[in-house]
Each structure stands twice: as C-alpha cells, then as structure tokens.
Amino acid sequence: MIALGSDHGGYELKQEVIKYLEEKGLEYKDYGCYSAESCDYPTYGHAVGKAVASGECERGIIICGTGIGISMAANKVPGVRAALCGDVFSAKATREHNDANILAMGARVVGPGLALLIVDTFLNTPFSEGERHIRRIGMIEDIDA
C-alpha cells in the first residue's frame, strides 16, 4: 500500500497521482489534506512518515509547493528515507542506491506529466541490493556512524 500526503499547495497534484494509482490498480491510503484550503505540511509529512516507518504502508508519496518542507518533516521520522525528486533520473537513482521509501515532489516545481513519470519510476525501480548501498543506508540510519 502507498501512503499519500500533501498540503494545500500539493493537493491538486496529489489528485493526479491518485488517478494514476487507481488506473494502475495500486492500493493507497490518503493521509490528507483533503482540500486546497491552507494547512500545515508537517502534519501530512509526519503522518505519511509514520505510516511507512511502521510498515502500515510500503512506500509513500508526499507533495507540497516545493517538496522541501514536507520532505524535511517526513525525514524526522526514524526509518524514513524521503527523497525530493524533480526528475526521473533522481527517482531511479534514489530507489537503486538509497532504497528511498518516500517520494517527495514540489507541485510548483514539476507539472503533472513529469510528476507521473517520476512516480512511475519511483514505484517500479527496485533497490539494487548492492553491498556499498546497504552499508551507506546503515550509515544514514546510524547518526553516530
């Protein structure tokens, strides 16, 4: 299952992502927001982060105006590796090398066409399982490394 979250700035793009997921037959849970009314992105970044870190959801997609704030909020949750991606190459690389479990995007940065290519790449690229990548992920998780 894929956890979704956005603030008001990402609400419209999240609706496009929902359509994509439904067309692909992929299960998702929407953690809000539920309208374009002004709200605070940390609420939704934390909610998606907790859903992914707990194992309730396998991956997450979070969206705000730039993707920066909501990714910072999600990355505060231990076990989350949220990656802000504005291009397909970054989405592919972060899955292969970092085993990122949450994709962050900026609705004011990428349009819906590019965003859906990024989502598709993120969801369909496996982690490489490379030894050096596993070691580096361990270093990310262990702040004292």
Foldseek 3Di string as FASTA:
>chain_A
DEEEEEFLQCVVLVVLVVVVCVVVVHDYDYPDDDHNPGDDLLVRLCVRLVCCQVVVDVAYEYEYQAQPPSQVSSVVRQPAQEDEDDAQVSLQCCQQQQVHRYYTYHCNRHPNVRVVSSVVNNVPHHHNPDPVSVVVNVCVNVVVD
